Amino acid sequence: MWRLKSKRVISIAIFGWALAIFILCSLPGDEIPNPNWQIPYLDKIVHFGMFFLLAILISLISIWNTSLKFWKLLFIVVLTALGYGGFI
């Protein structure tokens, strides 16, 4: 029972986070407030973090639903996140 609720919560989190990524990546650059931080390549770091979290969430749900080896699962999850980023 606990595992079923966990799967449901993680599935909702995946779809919610994917929607948040889509909305944030669809915003024009001039509408995003500039924090005036002097961190080089901050936008790249933020994009990496967003898609990394998406890959972690997909990995959590995939571990329960598959019997694939770790490297195959990692490859599929990374391709999924990259494909979604390319789609956007």
N, C-alpha and C. Protein backbone atom coordinates (compact mmCIF):
# COMPACT_ATOMS: atom_id res chain seq x y z
N MET A 1 0.83 -1.20 0.00
CA MET A 1 0.00 0.00 0.00
C MET A 1 0.87 1.26 0.00
N TRP A 2 1.91 1.24 0.83
CA TRP A 2 2.79 2.42 0.91
C TRP A 2 3.48 2.67 -0.42
N ARG A 3 3.91 1.57 -1.08
CA ARG A 3 4.61 1.70 -2.35
C ARG A 3 3.69 2.28 -3.42
N LEU A 4 2.42 1.91 -3.42
CA LEU A 4 1.45 2.44 -4.39
C LEU A 4 1.27 3.94 -4.19
N LYS A 5 1.17 4.39 -2.94
CA LYS A 5 1.03 5.82 -2.66
C LYS A 5 2.30 6.56 -3.06
N SER A 6 3.46 5.95 -2.81
CA SER A 6 4.72 6.58 -3.19
C SER A 6 4.83 6.74 -4.70
N LYS A 7 4.42 5.71 -5.43
CA LYS A 7 4.44 5.79 -6.90
C LYS A 7 3.54 6.91 -7.38
N ARG A 8 2.36 7.02 -6.77
CA ARG A 8 1.42 8.06 -7.18
C ARG A 8 1.99 9.44 -6.89
N VAL A 9 2.58 9.62 -5.73
CA VAL A 9 3.15 10.92 -5.37
C VAL A 9 4.31 11.28 -6.30
N ILE A 10 5.17 10.32 -6.58
CA ILE A 10 6.30 10.60 -7.47
C ILE A 10 5.81 10.86 -8.89
N SER A 11 4.78 10.14 -9.34
CA SER A 11 4.23 10.40 -10.68
C SER A 11 3.67 11.81 -10.79
N ILE A 12 2.96 12.24 -9.77
CA ILE A 12 2.43 13.60 -9.76
C ILE A 12 3.57 14.61 -9.73
N ALA A 13 4.62 14.32 -8.96
CA ALA A 13 5.78 15.21 -8.90
C ALA A 13 6.47 15.30 -10.26
N ILE A 14 6.58 14.19 -10.97
CA ILE A 14 7.22 14.20 -12.29
C ILE A 14 6.43 15.07 -13.26
N PHE A 15 5.13 14.87 -13.33
CA PHE A 15 4.32 15.66 -14.25
C PHE A 15 4.29 17.13 -13.85
N GLY A 16 4.22 17.40 -12.56
CA GLY A 16 4.24 18.79 -12.09
C GLY A 16 5.56 19.47 -12.39
N TRP A 17 6.66 18.76 -12.16
CA TRP A 17 7.97 19.35 -12.42
C TRP A 17 8.21 19.53 -13.91
N ALA A 18 7.76 18.57 -14.72
CA ALA A 18 7.89 18.70 -16.18
C ALA A 18 7.09 19.90 -16.68
N LEU A 19 5.92 20.12 -16.11
CA LEU A 19 5.11 21.29 -16.48
C LEU A 19 5.80 22.58 -16.04
N ALA A 20 6.38 22.59 -14.85
CA ALA A 20 7.10 23.77 -14.37
C ALA A 20 8.30 24.07 -15.26
N ILE A 21 9.03 23.04 -15.67
CA ILE A 21 10.17 23.24 -16.58
C ILE A 21 9.68 23.83 -17.90
N PHE A 22 8.58 23.28 -18.43
CA PHE A 22 8.05 23.78 -19.69
C PHE A 22 7.67 25.26 -19.58
N ILE A 23 7.01 25.62 -18.51
CA ILE A 23 6.58 27.01 -18.33
C ILE A 23 7.78 27.92 -18.17
N LEU A 24 8.74 27.52 -17.33
CA LEU A 24 9.91 28.37 -17.10
C LEU A 24 10.77 28.52 -18.34
N CYS A 25 10.91 27.44 -19.12
CA CYS A 25 11.72 27.53 -20.33
C CYS A 25 11.00 28.26 -21.46
N SER A 26 9.68 28.39 -21.35
CA SER A 26 8.91 29.09 -22.38
C SER A 26 8.86 30.60 -22.16
N LEU A 27 9.24 31.04 -20.97
CA LEU A 27 9.22 32.48 -20.70
C LEU A 27 10.28 33.21 -21.50
N PRO A 28 9.95 34.37 -22.03
CA PRO A 28 10.98 35.17 -22.70
C PRO A 28 12.04 35.62 -21.69
N GLY A 29 13.27 35.71 -22.14
CA GLY A 29 14.37 36.04 -21.25
C GLY A 29 14.24 37.39 -20.57
N ASP A 30 13.58 38.35 -21.21
CA ASP A 30 13.46 39.67 -20.60
C ASP A 30 12.39 39.72 -19.51
N GLU A 31 11.55 38.68 -19.40
CA GLU A 31 10.54 38.64 -18.34
C GLU A 31 11.05 38.01 -17.05
N ILE A 32 12.22 37.39 -17.11
CA ILE A 32 12.80 36.76 -15.93
C ILE A 32 13.61 37.81 -15.19
N PRO A 33 13.34 38.01 -13.89
CA PRO A 33 14.08 39.03 -13.15
C PRO A 33 15.56 38.68 -13.04
N ASN A 34 16.40 39.69 -13.13
CA ASN A 34 17.84 39.52 -13.05
C ASN A 34 18.29 39.71 -11.60
N PRO A 35 18.84 38.67 -10.95
CA PRO A 35 19.23 38.82 -9.55
C PRO A 35 20.54 39.59 -9.38
N ASN A 36 21.20 39.95 -10.47
CA ASN A 36 22.49 40.67 -10.45
C ASN A 36 23.57 39.91 -9.71
N TRP A 37 23.53 38.60 -9.81
CA TRP A 37 24.60 37.78 -9.27
C TRP A 37 25.69 37.66 -10.32
N GLN A 38 26.91 37.69 -9.89
CA GLN A 38 28.04 37.62 -10.81
C GLN A 38 28.56 36.19 -10.90
N ILE A 39 27.67 35.26 -11.21
CA ILE A 39 28.05 33.86 -11.35
C ILE A 39 28.10 33.55 -12.85
N PRO A 40 29.27 33.16 -13.34
CA PRO A 40 29.35 32.87 -14.77
C PRO A 40 28.51 31.65 -15.14
N TYR A 41 27.84 31.74 -16.26
CA TYR A 41 27.01 30.66 -16.80
C TYR A 41 25.90 30.23 -15.84
N LEU A 42 25.31 31.18 -15.14
CA LEU A 42 24.25 30.87 -14.18
C LEU A 42 23.06 30.20 -14.87
N ASP A 43 22.72 30.65 -16.06
CA ASP A 43 21.57 30.06 -16.76
C ASP A 43 21.82 28.59 -17.10
N LYS A 44 23.04 28.26 -17.44
CA LYS A 44 23.37 26.86 -17.74
C LYS A 44 23.28 26.00 -16.48
N ILE A 45 23.72 26.55 -15.35
CA ILE A 45 23.66 25.83 -14.08
C ILE A 45 22.20 25.58 -13.69
N VAL A 46 21.36 26.59 -13.87
CA VAL A 46 19.94 26.46 -13.54
C VAL A 46 19.27 25.41 -14.44
N HIS A 47 19.55 25.45 -15.73
CA HIS A 47 18.98 24.46 -16.64
C HIS A 47 19.44 23.05 -16.27
N PHE A 48 20.71 22.91 -15.98
CA PHE A 48 21.22 21.59 -15.57
C PHE A 48 20.49 21.11 -14.32
N GLY A 49 20.33 21.97 -13.35
CA GLY A 49 19.66 21.60 -12.10
C GLY A 49 18.21 21.19 -12.32
N MET A 50 17.50 21.92 -13.18
CA MET A 50 16.10 21.59 -13.44
C MET A 50 15.97 20.21 -14.08
N PHE A 51 16.78 19.94 -15.10
CA PHE A 51 16.69 18.66 -15.79
C PHE A 51 17.30 17.53 -14.97
N PHE A 52 18.27 17.83 -14.12
CA PHE A 52 18.82 16.82 -13.23
C PHE A 52 17.77 16.35 -12.24
N LEU A 53 17.00 17.29 -11.69
CA LEU A 53 15.93 16.92 -10.77
C LEU A 53 14.86 16.09 -11.49
N LEU A 54 14.55 16.44 -12.73
CA LEU A 54 13.61 15.65 -13.51
C LEU A 54 14.13 14.23 -13.70
N ALA A 55 15.42 14.09 -14.01
CA ALA A 55 16.01 12.76 -14.19
C ALA A 55 15.98 11.96 -12.89
N ILE A 56 16.21 12.61 -11.76
CA ILE A 56 16.15 11.92 -10.46
C ILE A 56 14.73 11.41 -10.21
N LEU A 57 13.74 12.23 -10.46
CA LEU A 57 12.35 11.82 -10.25
C LEU A 57 11.97 10.66 -11.17
N ILE A 58 12.38 10.73 -12.42
CA ILE A 58 12.10 9.63 -13.34
C ILE A 58 12.81 8.36 -12.89
N SER A 59 14.01 8.49 -12.37
CA SER A 59 14.75 7.32 -11.88
C SER A 59 14.04 6.68 -10.71
N LEU A 60 13.49 7.48 -9.81
CA LEU A 60 12.81 6.93 -8.64
C LEU A 60 11.62 6.07 -9.05
N ILE A 61 10.83 6.54 -9.98
CA ILE A 61 9.66 5.76 -10.40
C ILE A 61 10.08 4.58 -11.26
N SER A 62 11.15 4.72 -12.01
CA SER A 62 11.60 3.64 -12.89
C SER A 62 12.21 2.48 -12.11
N ILE A 63 12.81 2.74 -10.98
CA ILE A 63 13.41 1.67 -10.18
C ILE A 63 12.35 0.66 -9.76
N TRP A 64 11.15 1.14 -9.43
CA TRP A 64 10.08 0.25 -8.99
C TRP A 64 9.43 -0.50 -10.15
N ASN A 65 9.48 0.06 -11.34
CA ASN A 65 8.71 -0.49 -12.45
C ASN A 65 9.52 -1.31 -13.44
N THR A 66 10.80 -1.51 -13.21
CA THR A 66 11.60 -2.21 -14.20
C THR A 66 12.63 -3.10 -13.51
N SER A 67 13.13 -4.05 -14.26
CA SER A 67 14.19 -4.90 -13.74
C SER A 67 15.46 -4.70 -14.57
N LEU A 68 15.58 -3.56 -15.23
CA LEU A 68 16.76 -3.28 -16.04
C LEU A 68 17.98 -3.07 -15.16
N LYS A 69 19.12 -3.32 -15.73
CA LYS A 69 20.39 -3.05 -15.04
C LYS A 69 20.54 -1.55 -14.85
N PHE A 70 21.35 -1.17 -13.89
CA PHE A 70 21.53 0.23 -13.53
C PHE A 70 21.95 1.08 -14.72
N TRP A 71 22.94 0.62 -15.49
CA TRP A 71 23.46 1.44 -16.59
C TRP A 71 22.45 1.61 -17.72
N LYS A 72 21.67 0.57 -17.98
CA LYS A 72 20.62 0.70 -19.00
C LYS A 72 19.54 1.68 -18.55
N LEU A 73 19.17 1.57 -17.28
CA LEU A 73 18.17 2.49 -16.74
C LEU A 73 18.68 3.92 -16.75
N LEU A 74 19.94 4.12 -16.37
CA LEU A 74 20.54 5.45 -16.39
C LEU A 74 20.55 6.02 -17.80
N PHE A 75 20.90 5.20 -18.76
CA PHE A 75 20.93 5.63 -20.15
C PHE A 75 19.55 6.05 -20.63
N ILE A 76 18.53 5.28 -20.30
CA ILE A 76 17.16 5.60 -20.71
C ILE A 76 16.67 6.88 -20.04
N VAL A 77 16.97 7.04 -18.76
CA VAL A 77 16.53 8.22 -18.03
C VAL A 77 17.21 9.48 -18.57
N VAL A 78 18.50 9.40 -18.83
CA VAL A 78 19.22 10.56 -19.38
C VAL A 78 18.70 10.90 -20.76
N LEU A 79 18.46 9.88 -21.59
CA LEU A 79 17.89 10.15 -22.92
C LEU A 79 16.50 10.76 -22.82
N THR A 80 15.71 10.33 -21.86
CA THR A 80 14.38 10.90 -21.67
C THR A 80 14.46 12.37 -21.31
N ALA A 81 15.33 12.71 -20.36
CA ALA A 81 15.48 14.11 -19.95
C ALA A 81 16.04 14.95 -21.10
N LEU A 82 17.03 14.42 -21.82
CA LEU A 82 17.58 15.15 -22.96
C LEU A 82 16.53 15.33 -24.06
N GLY A 83 15.76 14.28 -24.30
CA GLY A 83 14.70 14.39 -25.32
C GLY A 83 13.66 15.42 -24.95
N TYR A 84 13.29 15.46 -23.68
CA TYR A 84 12.32 16.46 -23.25
C TYR A 84 12.90 17.87 -23.38
N GLY A 85 14.17 18.03 -23.01
CA GLY A 85 14.82 19.33 -23.19
C GLY A 85 14.90 19.73 -24.65
N GLY A 86 15.18 18.77 -25.52
CA GLY A 86 15.23 19.06 -26.95
C GLY A 86 13.86 19.39 -27.50
N PHE A 87 12.84 18.74 -26.96
CA PHE A 87 11.46 19.02 -27.40
C PHE A 87 11.07 20.46 -27.06
N ILE A 88 11.47 20.90 -25.88
CA ILE A 88 11.13 22.27 -25.46
C ILE A 88 11.88 23.25 -26.34
